[in-house]
PDB file of N, CA and C in Angstrom:
ATOM      1  N   MET A   1      -2.785  -4.119  21.760  1.00  0.00           N
ATOM      2  CA  MET A   1      -2.975  -5.155  20.656  1.00  0.00           C
ATOM      3  C   MET A   1      -3.006  -4.425  19.254  1.00  0.00           C
ATOM      4  N   LYS A   2      -2.292  -4.951  18.312  1.00  0.00           N
ATOM      5  CA  LYS A   2      -2.333  -4.332  16.937  1.00  0.00           C
ATOM      6  C   LYS A   2      -3.407  -4.815  16.138  1.00  0.00           C
ATOM      7  N   ASP A   3      -3.626  -4.127  15.209  1.00  0.00           N
ATOM      8  CA  ASP A   3      -4.788  -4.535  14.209  1.00  0.00           C
ATOM      9  C   ASP A   3      -4.491  -5.766  13.465  1.00  0.00           C
ATOM     10  N   VAL A   4      -3.277  -5.752  12.853  1.00  0.00           N
ATOM     11  CA  VAL A   4      -2.896  -6.651  11.842  1.00  0.00           C
ATOM     12  C   VAL A   4      -1.437  -7.028  12.189  1.00  0.00           C
ATOM     13  N   SER A   5      -1.033  -8.325  12.127  1.00  0.00           N
ATOM     14  CA  SER A   5       0.368  -8.965  12.006  1.00  0.00           C
ATOM     15  C   SER A   5       0.521  -9.404  10.622  1.00  0.00           C
ATOM     16  N   VAL A   6       1.619  -8.949   9.935  1.00  0.00           N
ATOM     17  CA  VAL A   6       1.909  -9.547   8.699  1.00  0.00           C
ATOM     18  C   VAL A   6       3.274 -10.340   8.723  1.00  0.00           C
ATOM     19  N   ILE A   7       2.991 -11.543   8.531  1.00  0.00           N
ATOM     20  CA  ILE A   7       4.160 -12.669   8.708  1.00  0.00           C
ATOM     21  C   ILE A   7       4.660 -12.957   7.224  1.00  0.00           C
ATOM     22  N   ILE A   8       5.940 -12.767   6.994  1.00  0.00           N
ATOM     23  CA  ILE A   8       6.595 -12.940   5.704  1.00  0.00           C
ATOM     24  C   ILE A   8       7.654 -14.020   5.981  1.00  0.00           C
ATOM     25  N   VAL A   9       7.641 -15.174   5.202  1.00  0.00           N
ATOM     26  CA  VAL A   9       8.771 -16.138   5.311  1.00  0.00           C
ATOM     27  C   VAL A   9       9.719 -15.834   4.075  1.00  0.00           C
ATOM     28  N   ASN A  10      10.926 -15.854   4.466  1.00  0.00           N
ATOM     29  CA  ASN A  10      12.045 -15.619   3.481  1.00  0.00           C
ATOM     30  C   ASN A  10      12.977 -16.734   3.428  1.00  0.00           C
ATOM     31  N   TYR A  11      13.307 -17.146   2.141  1.00  0.00           N
ATOM     32  CA  TYR A  11      14.484 -18.004   1.967  1.00  0.00           C
ATOM     33  C   TYR A  11      15.262 -17.661   0.793  1.00  0.00           C
ATOM     34  N   ASN A  12      16.220 -16.860   0.845  1.00  0.00           N
ATOM     35  CA  ASN A  12      17.038 -16.442  -0.154  1.00  0.00           C
ATOM     36  C   ASN A  12      16.259 -15.387  -1.120  1.00  0.00           C
ATOM     37  N   THR A  13      15.383 -14.736  -0.692  1.00  0.00           N
ATOM     38  CA  THR A  13      14.672 -13.804  -1.578  1.00  0.00           C
ATOM     39  C   THR A  13      14.686 -12.356  -0.940  1.00  0.00           C
ATOM     40  N   LYS A  14      15.874 -11.988  -0.620  1.00  0.00           N
ATOM     41  CA  LYS A  14      16.200 -10.629  -0.026  1.00  0.00           C
ATOM     42  C   LYS A  14      15.543  -9.535  -0.648  1.00  0.00           C
ATOM     43  N   GLY A  15      15.731  -9.439  -1.991  1.00  0.00           N
ATOM     44  CA  GLY A  15      15.350  -8.296  -2.849  1.00  0.00           C
ATOM     45  C   GLY A  15      13.675  -8.116  -2.742  1.00  0.00           C
ATOM     46  N   LEU A  16      13.005  -9.379  -3.070  1.00  0.00           N
ATOM     47  CA  LEU A  16      11.489  -9.421  -2.877  1.00  0.00           C
ATOM     48  C   LEU A  16      11.032  -9.023  -1.716  1.00  0.00           C
ATOM     49  N   VAL A  17      11.635  -9.540  -0.497  1.00  0.00           N
ATOM     50  CA  VAL A  17      11.190  -9.331   0.856  1.00  0.00           C
ATOM     51  C   VAL A  17      11.386  -7.932   1.053  1.00  0.00           C
ATOM     52  N   SER A  18      12.581  -7.336   0.746  1.00  0.00           N
ATOM     53  CA  SER A  18      12.768  -5.880   1.127  1.00  0.00           C
ATOM     54  C   SER A  18      11.766  -4.996   0.402  1.00  0.00           C
ATOM     55  N   ASP A  19      11.451  -5.245  -0.913  1.00  0.00           N
ATOM     56  CA  ASP A  19      10.439  -4.535  -1.668  1.00  0.00           C
ATOM     57  C   ASP A  19       9.104  -4.720  -1.103  1.00  0.00           C
ATOM     58  N   CYS A  20       8.745  -5.971  -0.498  1.00  0.00           N
ATOM     59  CA  CYS A  20       7.477  -6.187   0.073  1.00  0.00           C
ATOM     60  C   CYS A  20       7.349  -5.389   1.389  1.00  0.00           C
ATOM     61  N   ILE A  21       8.325  -5.316   2.164  1.00  0.00           N
ATOM     62  CA  ILE A  21       8.349  -4.485   3.397  1.00  0.00           C
ATOM     63  C   ILE A  21       8.250  -3.109   3.095  1.00  0.00           C
ATOM     64  N   ASP A  22       8.900  -2.464   2.160  1.00  0.00           N
ATOM     65  CA  ASP A  22       8.884  -1.151   1.928  1.00  0.00           C
ATOM     66  C   ASP A  22       7.430  -0.982   1.286  1.00  0.00           C
ATOM     67  N   SER A  23       6.779  -1.618   0.542  1.00  0.00           N
ATOM     68  CA  SER A  23       5.511  -1.464   0.033  1.00  0.00           C
ATOM     69  C   SER A  23       4.590  -1.593   1.132  1.00  0.00           C
ATOM     70  N   ILE A  24       4.559  -2.326   2.149  1.00  0.00           N
ATOM     71  CA  ILE A  24       3.712  -2.408   3.148  1.00  0.00           C
ATOM     72  C   ILE A  24       3.611  -1.132   3.999  1.00  0.00           C
ATOM     73  N   PHE A  25       4.963  -0.654   4.272  1.00  0.00           N
ATOM     74  CA  PHE A  25       5.041   0.543   5.065  1.00  0.00           C
ATOM     75  C   PHE A  25       4.649   1.809   4.270  1.00  0.00           C
ATOM     76  N   SER A  26       4.846   1.767   2.947  1.00  0.00           N
ATOM     77  CA  SER A  26       4.432   3.062   2.175  1.00  0.00           C
ATOM     78  C   SER A  26       3.064   3.089   1.749  1.00  0.00           C
ATOM     79  N   ASN A  27       2.357   1.836   1.748  1.00  0.00           N
ATOM     80  CA  ASN A  27       0.838   1.828   1.371  1.00  0.00           C
ATOM     81  C   ASN A  27      -0.099   1.628   2.395  1.00  0.00           C
ATOM     82  N   THR A  28       0.287   1.429   3.478  1.00  0.00           N
ATOM     83  CA  THR A  28      -0.663   1.151   4.560  1.00  0.00           C
ATOM     84  C   THR A  28      -0.863   2.127   5.554  1.00  0.00           C
ATOM     85  N   SER A  29      -1.998   2.664   5.731  1.00  0.00           N
ATOM     86  CA  SER A  29      -2.421   3.851   6.616  1.00  0.00           C
ATOM     87  C   SER A  29      -3.820   3.371   7.409  1.00  0.00           C
ATOM     88  N   GLY A  30      -4.020   3.942   8.433  1.00  0.00           N
ATOM     89  CA  GLY A  30      -5.225   3.707   9.244  1.00  0.00           C
ATOM     90  C   GLY A  30      -5.243   2.435  10.004  1.00  0.00           C
ATOM     91  N   LEU A  31      -4.096   1.659   9.982  1.00  0.00           N
ATOM     92  CA  LEU A  31      -4.083   0.477  10.736  1.00  0.00           C
ATOM     93  C   LEU A  31      -2.910   0.442  11.626  1.00  0.00           C
ATOM     94  N   ASP A  32      -3.006  -0.068  12.860  1.00  0.00           N
ATOM     95  CA  ASP A  32      -2.032  -0.290  13.792  1.00  0.00           C
ATOM     96  C   ASP A  32      -1.369  -1.794  13.355  1.00  0.00           C
ATOM     97  N   PHE A  33      -0.243  -1.724  12.567  1.00  0.00           N
ATOM     98  CA  PHE A  33       0.321  -3.177  12.205  1.00  0.00           C
ATOM     99  C   PHE A  33       1.670  -3.373  12.483  1.00  0.00           C
ATOM    100  N   GLU A  34       2.110  -4.589  12.384  1.00  0.00           N
ATOM    101  CA  GLU A  34       3.467  -4.984  12.596  1.00  0.00           C
ATOM    102  C   GLU A  34       3.924  -5.958  11.484  1.00  0.00           C
ATOM    103  N   VAL A  35       5.096  -5.913  11.177  1.00  0.00           N
ATOM    104  CA  VAL A  35       5.784  -7.017  10.098  1.00  0.00           C
ATOM    105  C   VAL A  35       6.784  -7.977  10.811  1.00  0.00           C
ATOM    106  N   ILE A  36       6.528  -9.249  10.660  1.00  0.00           N
ATOM    107  CA  ILE A  36       7.280 -10.097  11.259  1.00  0.00           C
ATOM    108  C   ILE A  36       7.941 -10.959  10.020  1.00  0.00           C
ATOM    109  N   VAL A  37       9.349 -10.978   9.930  1.00  0.00           N
ATOM    110  CA  VAL A  37       9.959 -11.632   8.943  1.00  0.00           C
ATOM    111  C   VAL A  37      10.648 -12.860   9.466  1.00  0.00           C
ATOM    112  N   VAL A  38      10.300 -14.142   8.982  1.00  0.00           N
ATOM    113  CA  VAL A  38      10.989 -15.341   9.484  1.00  0.00           C
ATOM    114  C   VAL A  38      11.958 -15.757   8.355  1.00  0.00           C
ATOM    115  N   ASP A  39      13.094 -15.886   8.659  1.00  0.00           N
ATOM    116  CA  ASP A  39      14.138 -16.244   7.646  1.00  0.00           C
ATOM    117  C   ASP A  39      14.501 -17.663   7.783  1.00  0.00           C
ATOM    118  N   ASN A  40      14.383 -18.642   6.780  1.00  0.00           N
ATOM    119  CA  ASN A  40      14.660 -20.004   6.793  1.00  0.00           C
ATOM    120  C   ASN A  40      15.941 -20.218   6.438  1.00  0.00           C
ATOM    121  N   GLY A  41      17.012 -19.594   7.080  1.00  0.00           N
ATOM    122  CA  GLY A  41      18.421 -19.913   6.880  1.00  0.00           C
ATOM    123  C   GLY A  41      19.045 -19.304   5.648  1.00  0.00           C
ATOM    124  N   SER A  42      18.538 -18.235   5.090  1.00  0.00           N
ATOM    125  CA  SER A  42      18.998 -17.654   3.851  1.00  0.00           C
ATOM    126  C   SER A  42      20.512 -17.440   3.813  1.00  0.00           C
ATOM    127  N   THR A  43      21.211 -17.508   2.680  1.00  0.00           N
ATOM    128  CA  THR A  43      22.652 -17.386   2.462  1.00  0.00           C
ATOM    129  C   THR A  43      22.772 -16.147   1.397  1.00  0.00           C
ATOM    130  N   ASP A  44      21.770 -15.333   1.201  1.00  0.00           N
ATOM    131  CA  ASP A  44      21.829 -14.143   0.210  1.00  0.00           C
ATOM    132  C   ASP A  44      22.061 -12.965   0.829  1.00  0.00           C
ATOM    133  N   GLY A  45      22.534 -12.870   2.025  1.00  0.00           N
ATOM    134  CA  GLY A  45      22.740 -11.491   2.758  1.00  0.00           C
ATOM    135  C   GLY A  45      21.484 -11.090   3.425  1.00  0.00           C
ATOM    136  N   SER A  46      20.313 -11.904   3.419  1.00  0.00           N
ATOM    137  CA  SER A  46      19.013 -11.455   4.074  1.00  0.00           C
ATOM    138  C   SER A  46      19.243 -11.061   5.613  1.00  0.00           C
ATOM    139  N   ARG A  47      20.036 -12.018   6.312  1.00  0.00           N
ATOM    140  CA  ARG A  47      20.236 -11.731   7.719  1.00  0.00           C
ATOM    141  C   ARG A  47      20.991 -10.338   7.917  1.00  0.00           C
ATOM    142  N   GLU A  48      21.910 -10.173   7.299  1.00  0.00           N
ATOM    143  CA  GLU A  48      22.632  -8.816   7.301  1.00  0.00           C
ATOM    144  C   GLU A  48      21.625  -7.597   6.873  1.00  0.00           C
ATOM    145  N   ALA A  49      20.749  -7.846   6.024  1.00  0.00           N
ATOM    146  CA  ALA A  49      19.974  -6.749   5.439  1.00  0.00           C
ATOM    147  C   ALA A  49      18.866  -6.423   6.659  1.00  0.00           C
ATOM    148  N   PHE A  50      18.315  -7.482   7.156  1.00  0.00           N
ATOM    149  CA  PHE A  50      17.039  -7.442   7.940  1.00  0.00           C
ATOM    150  C   PHE A  50      17.143  -7.252   9.430  1.00  0.00           C
ATOM    151  N   THR A  51      18.582  -7.762   9.949  1.00  0.00           N
ATOM    152  CA  THR A  51      18.740  -7.758  11.429  1.00  0.00           C
ATOM    153  C   THR A  51      18.480  -6.435  12.086  1.00  0.00           C
ATOM    154  N   ASP A  52      18.827  -5.393  11.317  1.00  0.00           N
ATOM    155  CA  ASP A  52      18.933  -4.044  11.958  1.00  0.00           C
ATOM    156  C   ASP A  52      17.817  -3.228  11.429  1.00  0.00           C
ATOM    157  N   ASP A  53      16.897  -3.702  10.811  1.00  0.00           N
ATOM    158  CA  ASP A  53      15.579  -3.013  10.219  1.00  0.00           C
ATOM    159  C   ASP A  53      14.651  -2.810  11.384  1.00  0.00           C
ATOM    160  N   GLY A  54      14.658  -1.642  11.997  1.00  0.00           N
ATOM    161  CA  GLY A  54      13.859  -1.230  13.014  1.00  0.00           C
ATOM    162  C   GLY A  54      12.266  -1.350  12.782  1.00  0.00           C
ATOM    163  N   ARG A  55      11.966  -1.310  11.663  1.00  0.00           N
ATOM    164  CA  ARG A  55      10.584  -1.639  11.212  1.00  0.00           C
ATOM    165  C   ARG A  55      10.009  -2.876  11.474  1.00  0.00           C
ATOM    166  N   ILE A  56      10.792  -3.947  11.604  1.00  0.00           N
ATOM    167  CA  ILE A  56      10.226  -5.166  11.449  1.00  0.00           C
ATOM    168  C   ILE A  56      10.747  -5.995  12.693  1.00  0.00           C
ATOM    169  N   THR A  57      10.074  -7.101  13.156  1.00  0.00           N
ATOM    170  CA  THR A  57      10.591  -8.071  13.838  1.00  0.00           C
ATOM    171  C   THR A  57      11.303  -9.256  13.003  1.00  0.00           C
ATOM    172  N   TYR A  58      12.448  -9.562  13.389  1.00  0.00           N
ATOM    173  CA  TYR A  58      13.251 -10.375  12.501  1.00  0.00           C
ATOM    174  C   TYR A  58      13.546 -11.813  13.358  1.00  0.00           C
ATOM    175  N   ILE A  59      13.211 -12.922  12.736  1.00  0.00           N
ATOM    176  CA  ILE A  59      13.370 -14.177  13.498  1.00  0.00           C
ATOM    177  C   ILE A  59      14.314 -15.024  12.229  1.00  0.00           C
ATOM    178  N   PHE A  60      15.487 -15.499  12.742  1.00  0.00           N
ATOM    179  CA  PHE A  60      16.294 -16.189  11.744  1.00  0.00           C
ATOM    180  C   PHE A  60      16.440 -17.752  12.318  1.00  0.00           C
ATOM    181  N   ASN A  61      16.077 -18.580  11.461  1.00  0.00           N
ATOM    182  CA  ASN A  61      16.379 -20.080  11.587  1.00  0.00           C
ATOM    183  C   ASN A  61      17.606 -20.507  11.018  1.00  0.00           C
ATOM    184  N   ASP A  62      18.263 -21.432  11.604  1.00  0.00           N
ATOM    185  CA  ASP A  62      19.655 -21.920  11.093  1.00  0.00           C
ATOM    186  C   ASP A  62      19.324 -22.907   9.776  1.00  0.00           C
ATOM    187  N   ALA A  63      18.150 -23.340   9.828  1.00  0.00           N
ATOM    188  CA  ALA A  63      17.702 -24.396   8.795  1.00  0.00           C
ATOM    189  C   ALA A  63      16.419 -23.961   8.020  1.00  0.00           C
ATOM    190  N   ASN A  64      16.340 -24.343   6.904  1.00  0.00           N
ATOM    191  CA  ASN A  64      14.979 -24.178   6.117  1.00  0.00           C
ATOM    192  C   ASN A  64      13.918 -25.108   6.622  1.00  0.00           C
ATOM    193  N   LEU A  65      13.064 -24.517   7.408  1.00  0.00           N
ATOM    194  CA  LEU A  65      11.979 -25.325   8.103  1.00  0.00           C
ATOM    195  C   LEU A  65      10.764 -25.518   7.357  1.00  0.00           C
ATOM    196  N   GLY A  66      10.704 -24.604   6.147  1.00  0.00           N
ATOM    197  CA  GLY A  66       9.527 -24.808   5.340  1.00  0.00           C
ATOM    198  C   GLY A  66       8.626 -23.614   5.803  1.00  0.00           C
ATOM    199  N   PHE A  67       7.503 -23.414   4.847  1.00  0.00           N
ATOM    200  CA  PHE A  67       6.752 -22.380   4.953  1.00  0.00           C
ATOM    201  C   PHE A  67       5.838 -22.481   6.115  1.00  0.00           C
ATOM    202  N   GLY A  68       5.128 -23.551   6.462  1.00  0.00           N
ATOM    203  CA  GLY A  68       4.276 -23.790   7.604  1.00  0.00           C
ATOM    204  C   GLY A  68       4.904 -23.615   8.845  1.00  0.00           C
ATOM    205  N   ARG A  69       6.161 -24.345   9.124  1.00  0.00           N
ATOM    206  CA  ARG A  69       6.797 -24.176  10.385  1.00  0.00           C
ATOM    207  C   ARG A  69       7.394 -22.847  10.680  1.00  0.00           C
ATOM    208  N   ALA A  70       7.815 -22.234   9.651  1.00  0.00           N
ATOM    209  CA  ALA A  70       8.310 -20.788   9.931  1.00  0.00           C
ATOM    210  C   ALA A  70       7.207 -19.977  10.350  1.00  0.00           C
ATOM    211  N   ASN A  71       6.058 -20.133   9.677  1.00  0.00           N
ATOM    212  CA  ASN A  71       4.740 -19.279  10.006  1.00  0.00           C
ATOM    213  C   ASN A  71       4.438 -19.510  11.622  1.00  0.00           C
ATOM    214  N   ASN A  72       4.454 -20.962  12.018  1.00  0.00           N
ATOM    215  CA  ASN A  72       4.165 -21.294  13.334  1.00  0.00           C
ATOM    216  C   ASN A  72       5.101 -20.586  14.315  1.00  0.00           C
ATOM    217  N   LEU A  73       6.426 -20.487  13.902  1.00  0.00           N
ATOM    218  CA  LEU A  73       7.532 -19.819  14.817  1.00  0.00           C
ATOM    219  C   LEU A  73       7.128 -18.460  15.129  1.00  0.00           C
ATOM    220  N   ALA A  74       6.689 -17.733  13.944  1.00  0.00           N
ATOM    221  CA  ALA A  74       6.193 -16.288  14.252  1.00  0.00           C
ATOM    222  C   ALA A  74       5.119 -15.957  14.965  1.00  0.00           C
ATOM    223  N   LEU A  75       4.128 -16.916  15.031  1.00  0.00           N
ATOM    224  CA  LEU A  75       2.894 -16.733  15.721  1.00  0.00           C
ATOM    225  C   LEU A  75       2.915 -16.110  17.223  1.00  0.00           C
ATOM    226  N   PRO A  76       4.012 -16.785  17.911  1.00  0.00           N
ATOM    227  CA  PRO A  76       4.118 -16.199  19.340  1.00  0.00           C
ATOM    228  C   PRO A  76       4.538 -14.763  19.453  1.00  0.00           C
ATOM    229  N   ALA A  77       5.155 -14.305  18.333  1.00  0.00           N
ATOM    230  CA  ALA A  77       5.608 -12.959  18.288  1.00  0.00           C
ATOM    231  C   ALA A  77       4.630 -11.858  17.900  1.00  0.00           C
ATOM    232  N   ALA A  78       3.559 -12.580  17.144  1.00  0.00           N
ATOM    233  CA  ALA A  78       2.509 -11.622  16.667  1.00  0.00           C
ATOM    234  C   ALA A  78       1.629 -11.093  17.748  1.00  0.00           C
ATOM    235  N   SER A  79       1.240  -9.977  17.697  1.00  0.00           N
ATOM    236  CA  SER A  79       0.392  -9.332  18.493  1.00  0.00           C
ATOM    237  C   SER A  79      -0.948  -8.751  17.803  1.00  0.00           C
ATOM    238  N   GLY A  80      -1.133  -9.023  16.524  1.00  0.00           N
ATOM    239  CA  GLY A  80      -2.200  -8.561  15.839  1.00  0.00           C
ATOM    240  C   GLY A  80      -3.511  -9.356  16.024  1.00  0.00           C
ATOM    241  N   ARG A  81      -4.718  -8.618  16.208  1.00  0.00           N
ATOM    242  CA  ARG A  81      -5.989  -9.335  16.362  1.00  0.00           C
ATOM    243  C   ARG A  81      -6.170 -10.081  14.961  1.00  0.00           C
ATOM    244  N   ASN A  82      -5.740  -9.833  13.906  1.00  0.00           N
ATOM    245  CA  ASN A  82      -5.729 -10.541  12.687  1.00  0.00           C
ATOM    246  C   ASN A  82      -4.182 -10.810  12.137  1.00  0.00           C
ATOM    247  N   VAL A  83      -4.127 -11.975  11.483  1.00  0.00           N
ATOM    248  CA  VAL A  83      -2.566 -12.264  11.041  1.00  0.00           C
ATOM    249  C   VAL A  83      -2.738 -12.667   9.448  1.00  0.00           C
ATOM    250  N   ILE A  84      -1.957 -11.927   8.932  1.00  0.00           N
ATOM    251  CA  ILE A  84      -1.712 -12.117   7.452  1.00  0.00           C
ATOM    252  C   ILE A  84      -0.565 -12.988   7.073  1.00  0.00           C
ATOM    253  N   PHE A  85      -0.600 -14.060   6.513  1.00  0.00           N
ATOM    254  CA  PHE A  85       0.689 -14.777   6.183  1.00  0.00           C
ATOM    255  C   PHE A  85       1.011 -14.557   4.629  1.00  0.00           C
TER     256      PHE A  85
END
């Protein structure tokens, strides 16, 4: 079990989410953590950018389900004792 699961919801914010992921990995130490990105049907190239990022678990939705439903979709994939949305 991981210490922390970080869940990020994305909708056409590829640059912000990319910076956020980079920041998490460069500034976090001493924790066993994972990053899960849920994409709500972005059309800004997010899918292409994040699909092959081996640092994260990437979940793509065909439609914008909203923040709450997207977070709920990520919870089954989370293995952290604590979850940060």
